[in-house]
Amino acid sequence: MAQDSIEAHLTVIFAALAVARYLQARTGMTIKRLARTLRPLQTVTIAVAGQQITAQPRSTRTQPPFSSRSATSRGTKTGTTCATQV
């Protein structure tokens, strides 16, 4: 069971790295800058095979994860929406 958990964790890590590298190559922005830019987003709408899917965070936190300061203290807006097509 522990090995399954470790393998699942590694799969998620490698998938996140692949997405980050793809976004970095596609936008020309560093991963750090992408993370900073995308952090304040609260919803995302993705079009997959002609179907639109809207996702919202499940967290009830007032701060973005991995941040010691709130998004508004950095001068960015919260509640922003992002739309993309895959």
PDB file of N, CA and C in Angstrom:
ATOM      1  N   MET A   1       0.813  -1.192   0.000  1.00  0.00           N
ATOM      2  CA  MET A   1       0.000   0.000   0.000  1.00  0.00           C
ATOM      3  C   MET A   1       0.863   1.265   0.000  1.00  0.00           C
ATOM      4  N   ALA A   2       1.932   1.280   0.774  1.00  0.00           N
ATOM      5  CA  ALA A   2       2.815   2.445   0.821  1.00  0.00           C
ATOM      6  C   ALA A   2       3.464   2.670  -0.539  1.00  0.00           C
ATOM      7  N   GLN A   3       3.815   1.588  -1.233  1.00  0.00           N
ATOM      8  CA  GLN A   3       4.439   1.730  -2.551  1.00  0.00           C
ATOM      9  C   GLN A   3       3.454   2.350  -3.544  1.00  0.00           C
ATOM     10  N   ASP A   4       2.181   1.951  -3.485  1.00  0.00           N
ATOM     11  CA  ASP A   4       1.156   2.553  -4.358  1.00  0.00           C
ATOM     12  C   ASP A   4       1.041   4.049  -4.100  1.00  0.00           C
ATOM     13  N   SER A   5       1.078   4.424  -2.838  1.00  0.00           N
ATOM     14  CA  SER A   5       0.985   5.826  -2.460  1.00  0.00           C
ATOM     15  C   SER A   5       2.180   6.613  -2.997  1.00  0.00           C
ATOM     16  N   ILE A   6       3.357   6.049  -2.895  1.00  0.00           N
ATOM     17  CA  ILE A   6       4.568   6.703  -3.393  1.00  0.00           C
ATOM     18  C   ILE A   6       4.515   6.834  -4.909  1.00  0.00           C
ATOM     19  N   GLU A   7       4.103   5.784  -5.595  1.00  0.00           N
ATOM     20  CA  GLU A   7       4.006   5.827  -7.052  1.00  0.00           C
ATOM     21  C   GLU A   7       2.970   6.854  -7.508  1.00  0.00           C
ATOM     22  N   ALA A   8       1.844   6.946  -6.809  1.00  0.00           N
ATOM     23  CA  ALA A   8       0.823   7.937  -7.148  1.00  0.00           C
ATOM     24  C   ALA A   8       1.366   9.350  -6.948  1.00  0.00           C
ATOM     25  N   HIS A   9       2.093   9.553  -5.862  1.00  0.00           N
ATOM     26  CA  HIS A   9       2.685  10.867  -5.591  1.00  0.00           C
ATOM     27  C   HIS A   9       3.674  11.247  -6.691  1.00  0.00           C
ATOM     28  N   LEU A  10       4.534  10.330  -7.078  1.00  0.00           N
ATOM     29  CA  LEU A  10       5.500  10.605  -8.142  1.00  0.00           C
ATOM     30  C   LEU A  10       4.814  10.889  -9.472  1.00  0.00           C
ATOM     31  N   THR A  11       3.718  10.191  -9.749  1.00  0.00           N
ATOM     32  CA  THR A  11       2.965  10.439 -10.978  1.00  0.00           C
ATOM     33  C   THR A  11       2.420  11.861 -11.000  1.00  0.00           C
ATOM     34  N   VAL A  12       1.867  12.298  -9.879  1.00  0.00           N
ATOM     35  CA  VAL A  12       1.333  13.663  -9.788  1.00  0.00           C
ATOM     36  C   VAL A  12       2.459  14.685  -9.955  1.00  0.00           C
ATOM     37  N   ILE A  13       3.592  14.441  -9.323  1.00  0.00           N
ATOM     38  CA  ILE A  13       4.729  15.360  -9.414  1.00  0.00           C
ATOM     39  C   ILE A  13       5.212  15.475 -10.857  1.00  0.00           C
ATOM     40  N   PHE A  14       5.382  14.345 -11.540  1.00  0.00           N
ATOM     41  CA  PHE A  14       5.858  14.375 -12.923  1.00  0.00           C
ATOM     42  C   PHE A  14       4.820  14.996 -13.864  1.00  0.00           C
ATOM     43  N   ALA A  15       3.540  14.763 -13.607  1.00  0.00           N
ATOM     44  CA  ALA A  15       2.503  15.385 -14.428  1.00  0.00           C
ATOM     45  C   ALA A  15       2.522  16.906 -14.243  1.00  0.00           C
ATOM     46  N   ALA A  16       2.672  17.361 -13.004  1.00  0.00           N
ATOM     47  CA  ALA A  16       2.744  18.800 -12.734  1.00  0.00           C
ATOM     48  C   ALA A  16       3.967  19.412 -13.408  1.00  0.00           C
ATOM     49  N   LEU A  17       5.087  18.715 -13.364  1.00  0.00           N
ATOM     50  CA  LEU A  17       6.304  19.207 -14.016  1.00  0.00           C
ATOM     51  C   LEU A  17       6.116  19.286 -15.530  1.00  0.00           C
ATOM     52  N   ALA A  18       5.470  18.274 -16.108  1.00  0.00           N
ATOM     53  CA  ALA A  18       5.222  18.276 -17.551  1.00  0.00           C
ATOM     54  C   ALA A  18       4.328  19.449 -17.948  1.00  0.00           C
ATOM     55  N   VAL A  19       3.285  19.708 -17.180  1.00  0.00           N
ATOM     56  CA  VAL A  19       2.389  20.834 -17.465  1.00  0.00           C
ATOM     57  C   VAL A  19       3.148  22.151 -17.315  1.00  0.00           C
ATOM     58  N   ALA A  20       3.945  22.265 -16.266  1.00  0.00           N
ATOM     59  CA  ALA A  20       4.718  23.491 -16.044  1.00  0.00           C
ATOM     60  C   ALA A  20       5.697  23.733 -17.190  1.00  0.00           C
ATOM     61  N   ARG A  21       6.387  22.690 -17.630  1.00  0.00           N
ATOM     62  CA  ARG A  21       7.336  22.834 -18.743  1.00  0.00           C
ATOM     63  C   ARG A  21       6.611  23.196 -20.044  1.00  0.00           C
ATOM     64  N   TYR A  22       5.454  22.608 -20.260  1.00  0.00           N
ATOM     65  CA  TYR A  22       4.669  22.934 -21.448  1.00  0.00           C
ATOM     66  C   TYR A  22       4.276  24.414 -21.427  1.00  0.00           C
ATOM     67  N   LEU A  23       3.754  24.871 -20.288  1.00  0.00           N
ATOM     68  CA  LEU A  23       3.355  26.272 -20.173  1.00  0.00           C
ATOM     69  C   LEU A  23       4.547  27.206 -20.322  1.00  0.00           C
ATOM     70  N   GLN A  24       5.684  26.801 -19.781  1.00  0.00           N
ATOM     71  CA  GLN A  24       6.893  27.608 -19.895  1.00  0.00           C
ATOM     72  C   GLN A  24       7.316  27.728 -21.361  1.00  0.00           C
ATOM     73  N   ALA A  25       7.293  26.627 -22.087  1.00  0.00           N
ATOM     74  CA  ALA A  25       7.675  26.641 -23.499  1.00  0.00           C
ATOM     75  C   ALA A  25       6.669  27.416 -24.336  1.00  0.00           C
ATOM     76  N   ARG A  26       5.395  27.275 -24.006  1.00  0.00           N
ATOM     77  CA  ARG A  26       4.333  27.918 -24.786  1.00  0.00           C
ATOM     78  C   ARG A  26       4.268  29.424 -24.571  1.00  0.00           C
ATOM     79  N   THR A  27       4.519  29.874 -23.330  1.00  0.00           N
ATOM     80  CA  THR A  27       4.394  31.295 -23.013  1.00  0.00           C
ATOM     81  C   THR A  27       5.709  32.051 -23.025  1.00  0.00           C
ATOM     82  N   GLY A  28       6.813  31.334 -22.872  1.00  0.00           N
ATOM     83  CA  GLY A  28       8.110  31.996 -22.772  1.00  0.00           C
ATOM     84  C   GLY A  28       8.368  32.578 -21.391  1.00  0.00           C
ATOM     85  N   MET A  29       7.486  32.314 -20.442  1.00  0.00           N
ATOM     86  CA  MET A  29       7.644  32.807 -19.071  1.00  0.00           C
ATOM     87  C   MET A  29       8.293  31.732 -18.218  1.00  0.00           C
ATOM     88  N   THR A  30       9.007  32.141 -17.170  1.00  0.00           N
ATOM     89  CA  THR A  30       9.578  31.163 -16.248  1.00  0.00           C
ATOM     90  C   THR A  30       8.463  30.531 -15.428  1.00  0.00           C
ATOM     91  N   ILE A  31       8.732  29.370 -14.869  1.00  0.00           N
ATOM     92  CA  ILE A  31       7.736  28.689 -14.039  1.00  0.00           C
ATOM     93  C   ILE A  31       7.390  29.555 -12.829  1.00  0.00           C
ATOM     94  N   LYS A  32       8.395  30.207 -12.257  1.00  0.00           N
ATOM     95  CA  LYS A  32       8.158  31.077 -11.100  1.00  0.00           C
ATOM     96  C   LYS A  32       7.215  32.224 -11.466  1.00  0.00           C
ATOM     97  N   ARG A  33       7.445  32.844 -12.615  1.00  0.00           N
ATOM     98  CA  ARG A  33       6.593  33.958 -13.044  1.00  0.00           C
ATOM     99  C   ARG A  33       5.184  33.462 -13.375  1.00  0.00           C
ATOM    100  N   LEU A  34       5.087  32.290 -14.016  1.00  0.00           N
ATOM    101  CA  LEU A  34       3.771  31.709 -14.295  1.00  0.00           C
ATOM    102  C   LEU A  34       2.999  31.474 -13.003  1.00  0.00           C
ATOM    103  N   ALA A  35       3.673  30.899 -12.005  1.00  0.00           N
ATOM    104  CA  ALA A  35       3.011  30.622 -10.726  1.00  0.00           C
ATOM    105  C   ALA A  35       2.535  31.913 -10.086  1.00  0.00           C
ATOM    106  N   ARG A  36       3.363  32.955 -10.122  1.00  0.00           N
ATOM    107  CA  ARG A  36       2.984  34.248  -9.563  1.00  0.00           C
ATOM    108  C   ARG A  36       1.791  34.852 -10.300  1.00  0.00           C
ATOM    109  N   THR A  37       1.794  34.706 -11.616  1.00  0.00           N
ATOM    110  CA  THR A  37       0.721  35.278 -12.436  1.00  0.00           C
ATOM    111  C   THR A  37      -0.589  34.522 -12.235  1.00  0.00           C
ATOM    112  N   LEU A  38      -0.524  33.205 -12.152  1.00  0.00           N
ATOM    113  CA  LEU A  38      -1.735  32.388 -12.064  1.00  0.00           C
ATOM    114  C   LEU A  38      -2.282  32.235 -10.644  1.00  0.00           C
ATOM    115  N   ARG A  39      -1.464  32.497  -9.626  1.00  0.00           N
ATOM    116  CA  ARG A  39      -1.875  32.282  -8.235  1.00  0.00           C
ATOM    117  C   ARG A  39      -3.191  32.953  -7.864  1.00  0.00           C
ATOM    118  N   PRO A  40      -3.454  34.207  -8.270  1.00  0.00           N
ATOM    119  CA  PRO A  40      -4.698  34.846  -7.827  1.00  0.00           C
ATOM    120  C   PRO A  40      -5.960  34.360  -8.537  1.00  0.00           C
ATOM    121  N   LEU A  41      -5.839  33.526  -9.544  1.00  0.00           N
ATOM    122  CA  LEU A  41      -7.027  33.067 -10.268  1.00  0.00           C
ATOM    123  C   LEU A  41      -7.910  32.222  -9.358  1.00  0.00           C
ATOM    124  N   GLN A  42      -9.196  32.474  -9.406  1.00  0.00           N
ATOM    125  CA  GLN A  42     -10.136  31.745  -8.563  1.00  0.00           C
ATOM    126  C   GLN A  42     -10.970  30.731  -9.335  1.00  0.00           C
ATOM    127  N   THR A  43     -11.177  30.948 -10.627  1.00  0.00           N
ATOM    128  CA  THR A  43     -11.901  29.983 -11.451  1.00  0.00           C
ATOM    129  C   THR A  43     -11.185  29.836 -12.779  1.00  0.00           C
ATOM    130  N   VAL A  44     -11.414  28.730 -13.427  1.00  0.00           N
ATOM    131  CA  VAL A  44     -10.837  28.493 -14.745  1.00  0.00           C
ATOM    132  C   VAL A  44     -11.885  27.809 -15.609  1.00  0.00           C
ATOM    133  N   THR A  45     -11.982  28.213 -16.864  1.00  0.00           N
ATOM    134  CA  THR A  45     -12.877  27.562 -17.813  1.00  0.00           C
ATOM    135  C   THR A  45     -12.017  26.943 -18.907  1.00  0.00           C
ATOM    136  N   ILE A  46     -12.154  25.656 -19.098  1.00  0.00           N
ATOM    137  CA  ILE A  46     -11.355  24.917 -20.064  1.00  0.00           C
ATOM    138  C   ILE A  46     -12.294  24.305 -21.100  1.00  0.00           C
ATOM    139  N   ALA A  47     -11.950  24.458 -22.363  1.00  0.00           N
ATOM    140  CA  ALA A  47     -12.726  23.832 -23.439  1.00  0.00           C
ATOM    141  C   ALA A  47     -11.974  22.581 -23.891  1.00  0.00           C
ATOM    142  N   VAL A  48     -12.604  21.424 -23.706  1.00  0.00           N
ATOM    143  CA  VAL A  48     -12.017  20.150 -24.097  1.00  0.00           C
ATOM    144  C   VAL A  48     -12.987  19.464 -25.039  1.00  0.00           C
ATOM    145  N   ALA A  49     -12.540  19.202 -26.254  1.00  0.00           N
ATOM    146  CA  ALA A  49     -13.358  18.525 -27.251  1.00  0.00           C
ATOM    147  C   ALA A  49     -14.713  19.214 -27.427  1.00  0.00           C
ATOM    148  N   GLY A  50     -14.691  20.549 -27.429  1.00  0.00           N
ATOM    149  CA  GLY A  50     -15.916  21.304 -27.645  1.00  0.00           C
ATOM    150  C   GLY A  50     -16.801  21.472 -26.427  1.00  0.00           C
ATOM    151  N   GLN A  51     -16.416  20.889 -25.294  1.00  0.00           N
ATOM    152  CA  GLN A  51     -17.218  21.008 -24.074  1.00  0.00           C
ATOM    153  C   GLN A  51     -16.494  21.926 -23.098  1.00  0.00           C
ATOM    154  N   GLN A  52     -17.216  22.886 -22.508  1.00  0.00           N
ATOM    155  CA  GLN A  52     -16.608  23.801 -21.552  1.00  0.00           C
ATOM    156  C   GLN A  52     -16.784  23.282 -20.137  1.00  0.00           C
ATOM    157  N   ILE A  53     -15.685  23.310 -19.396  1.00  0.00           N
ATOM    158  CA  ILE A  53     -15.687  22.863 -18.000  1.00  0.00           C
ATOM    159  C   ILE A  53     -15.191  24.028 -17.158  1.00  0.00           C
ATOM    160  N   THR A  54     -15.937  24.406 -16.123  1.00  0.00           N
ATOM    161  CA  THR A  54     -15.527  25.467 -15.220  1.00  0.00           C
ATOM    162  C   THR A  54     -15.186  24.851 -13.875  1.00  0.00           C
ATOM    163  N   ALA A  55     -14.012  25.187 -13.366  1.00  0.00           N
ATOM    164  CA  ALA A  55     -13.563  24.656 -12.081  1.00  0.00           C
ATOM    165  C   ALA A  55     -13.318  25.806 -11.121  1.00  0.00           C
ATOM    166  N   GLN A  56     -13.668  25.590  -9.863  1.00  0.00           N
ATOM    167  CA  GLN A  56     -13.423  26.561  -8.809  1.00  0.00           C
ATOM    168  C   GLN A  56     -12.666  25.859  -7.687  1.00  0.00           C
ATOM    169  N   PRO A  57     -11.871  26.606  -6.919  1.00  0.00           N
ATOM    170  CA  PRO A  57     -11.120  25.963  -5.837  1.00  0.00           C
ATOM    171  C   PRO A  57     -12.050  25.430  -4.761  1.00  0.00           C
ATOM    172  N   ARG A  58     -11.657  24.335  -4.159  1.00  0.00           N
ATOM    173  CA  ARG A  58     -12.442  23.742  -3.069  1.00  0.00           C
ATOM    174  C   ARG A  58     -12.020  24.314  -1.725  1.00  0.00           C
ATOM    175  N   SER A  59     -10.842  24.896  -1.674  1.00  0.00           N
ATOM    176  CA  SER A  59     -10.302  25.410  -0.429  1.00  0.00           C
ATOM    177  C   SER A  59     -11.108  26.605   0.054  1.00  0.00           C
ATOM    178  N   THR A  60     -11.226  26.728   1.371  1.00  0.00           N
ATOM    179  CA  THR A  60     -11.900  27.882   1.957  1.00  0.00           C
ATOM    180  C   THR A  60     -10.875  28.849   2.533  1.00  0.00           C
ATOM    181  N   ARG A  61      -9.604  28.652   2.208  1.00  0.00           N
ATOM    182  CA  ARG A  61      -8.544  29.529   2.700  1.00  0.00           C
ATOM    183  C   ARG A  61      -8.748  30.942   2.183  1.00  0.00           C
ATOM    184  N   THR A  62      -8.276  31.901   2.949  1.00  0.00           N
ATOM    185  CA  THR A  62      -8.323  33.286   2.488  1.00  0.00           C
ATOM    186  C   THR A  62      -7.039  33.647   1.749  1.00  0.00           C
ATOM    187  N   GLN A  63      -5.997  32.824   1.901  1.00  0.00           N
ATOM    188  CA  GLN A  63      -4.737  33.055   1.213  1.00  0.00           C
ATOM    189  C   GLN A  63      -4.495  31.932   0.224  1.00  0.00           C
ATOM    190  N   PRO A  64      -3.783  32.234  -0.877  1.00  0.00           N
ATOM    191  CA  PRO A  64      -3.401  31.161  -1.784  1.00  0.00           C
ATOM    192  C   PRO A  64      -2.442  30.218  -1.067  1.00  0.00           C
ATOM    193  N   PRO A  65      -2.441  28.913  -1.409  1.00  0.00           N
ATOM    194  CA  PRO A  65      -1.511  28.001  -0.770  1.00  0.00           C
ATOM    195  C   PRO A  65      -0.072  28.403  -1.090  1.00  0.00           C
ATOM    196  N   PHE A  66       0.859  28.051  -0.224  1.00  0.00           N
ATOM    197  CA  PHE A  66       2.285  28.297  -0.396  1.00  0.00           C
ATOM    198  C   PHE A  66       2.626  29.777  -0.394  1.00  0.00           C
ATOM    199  N   SER A  67       1.818  30.587   0.235  1.00  0.00           N
ATOM    200  CA  SER A  67       2.075  32.022   0.253  1.00  0.00           C
ATOM    201  C   SER A  67       1.997  32.529   1.675  1.00  0.00           C
ATOM    202  N   SER A  68       2.954  33.359   2.047  1.00  0.00           N
ATOM    203  CA  SER A  68       2.904  33.935   3.380  1.00  0.00           C
ATOM    204  C   SER A  68       2.137  35.248   3.381  1.00  0.00           C
ATOM    205  N   ARG A  69       1.876  35.812   2.172  1.00  0.00           N
ATOM    206  CA  ARG A  69       1.117  37.052   2.043  1.00  0.00           C
ATOM    207  C   ARG A  69      -0.108  36.793   1.182  1.00  0.00           C
ATOM    208  N   SER A  70      -1.152  37.549   1.410  1.00  0.00           N
ATOM    209  CA  SER A  70      -2.344  37.386   0.578  1.00  0.00           C
ATOM    210  C   SER A  70      -2.102  37.988  -0.794  1.00  0.00           C
ATOM    211  N   ALA A  71      -2.878  37.579  -1.791  1.00  0.00           N
ATOM    212  CA  ALA A  71      -2.727  38.066  -3.161  1.00  0.00           C
ATOM    213  C   ALA A  71      -2.964  39.567  -3.234  1.00  0.00           C
ATOM    214  N   THR A  72      -3.893  40.080  -2.423  1.00  0.00           N
ATOM    215  CA  THR A  72      -4.189  41.506  -2.494  1.00  0.00           C
ATOM    216  C   THR A  72      -3.054  42.338  -1.924  1.00  0.00           C
ATOM    217  N   SER A  73      -2.256  41.787  -1.015  1.00  0.00           N
ATOM    218  CA  SER A  73      -1.141  42.563  -0.477  1.00  0.00           C
ATOM    219  C   SER A  73      -0.037  42.719  -1.508  1.00  0.00           C
ATOM    220  N   ARG A  74      -0.028  41.903  -2.550  1.00  0.00           N
ATOM    221  CA  ARG A  74       0.957  42.019  -3.620  1.00  0.00           C
ATOM    222  C   ARG A  74       0.426  42.887  -4.757  1.00  0.00           C
ATOM    223  N   GLY A  75      -0.762  43.446  -4.591  1.00  0.00           N
ATOM    224  CA  GLY A  75      -1.301  44.336  -5.608  1.00  0.00           C
ATOM    225  C   GLY A  75      -1.996  43.609  -6.746  1.00  0.00           C
ATOM    226  N   THR A  76      -2.356  42.334  -6.564  1.00  0.00           N
ATOM    227  CA  THR A  76      -3.052  41.599  -7.608  1.00  0.00           C
ATOM    228  C   THR A  76      -4.504  41.419  -7.218  1.00  0.00           C
ATOM    229  N   LYS A  77      -5.343  41.211  -8.193  1.00  0.00           N
ATOM    230  CA  LYS A  77      -6.770  41.028  -7.944  1.00  0.00           C
ATOM    231  C   LYS A  77      -7.069  39.576  -7.631  1.00  0.00           C
ATOM    232  N   THR A  78      -8.040  39.352  -6.761  1.00  0.00           N
ATOM    233  CA  THR A  78      -8.562  38.008  -6.551  1.00  0.00           C
ATOM    234  C   THR A  78      -9.894  37.920  -7.251  1.00  0.00           C
ATOM    235  N   GLY A  79     -10.351  36.717  -7.485  1.00  0.00           N
ATOM    236  CA  GLY A  79     -11.627  36.538  -8.147  1.00  0.00           C
ATOM    237  C   GLY A  79     -11.532  36.643  -9.654  1.00  0.00           C
ATOM    238  N   THR A  80     -10.339  36.617 -10.203  1.00  0.00           N
ATOM    239  CA  THR A  80     -10.141  36.716 -11.636  1.00  0.00           C
ATOM    240  C   THR A  80     -10.479  35.385 -12.283  1.00  0.00           C
ATOM    241  N   THR A  81     -10.892  35.427 -13.526  1.00  0.00           N
ATOM    242  CA  THR A  81     -11.229  34.213 -14.259  1.00  0.00           C
ATOM    243  C   THR A  81     -10.267  34.038 -15.426  1.00  0.00           C
ATOM    244  N   CYS A  82      -9.902  32.802 -15.675  1.00  0.00           N
ATOM    245  CA  CYS A  82      -9.015  32.462 -16.784  1.00  0.00           C
ATOM    246  C   CYS A  82      -9.762  31.508 -17.708  1.00  0.00           C
ATOM    247  N   ALA A  83      -9.604  31.679 -19.007  1.00  0.00           N
ATOM    248  CA  ALA A  83     -10.225  30.765 -19.976  1.00  0.00           C
ATOM    249  C   ALA A  83      -9.155  30.289 -20.944  1.00  0.00           C
ATOM    250  N   THR A  84      -9.191  29.019 -21.271  1.00  0.00           N
ATOM    251  CA  THR A  84      -8.226  28.450 -22.201  1.00  0.00           C
ATOM    252  C   THR A  84      -8.860  27.334 -22.999  1.00  0.00           C
ATOM    253  N   GLN A  85      -8.252  26.975 -24.108  1.00  0.00           N
ATOM    254  CA  GLN A  85      -8.720  25.852 -24.911  1.00  0.00           C
ATOM    255  C   GLN A  85      -7.626  24.826 -25.000  1.00  0.00           C
ATOM    256  N   VAL A  86      -8.010  23.553 -24.936  1.00  0.00           N
ATOM    257  CA  VAL A  86      -7.059  22.447 -25.065  1.00  0.00           C
ATOM    258  C   VAL A  86      -7.362  21.709 -26.341  1.00  0.00           C
TER     259      VAL A  86
END
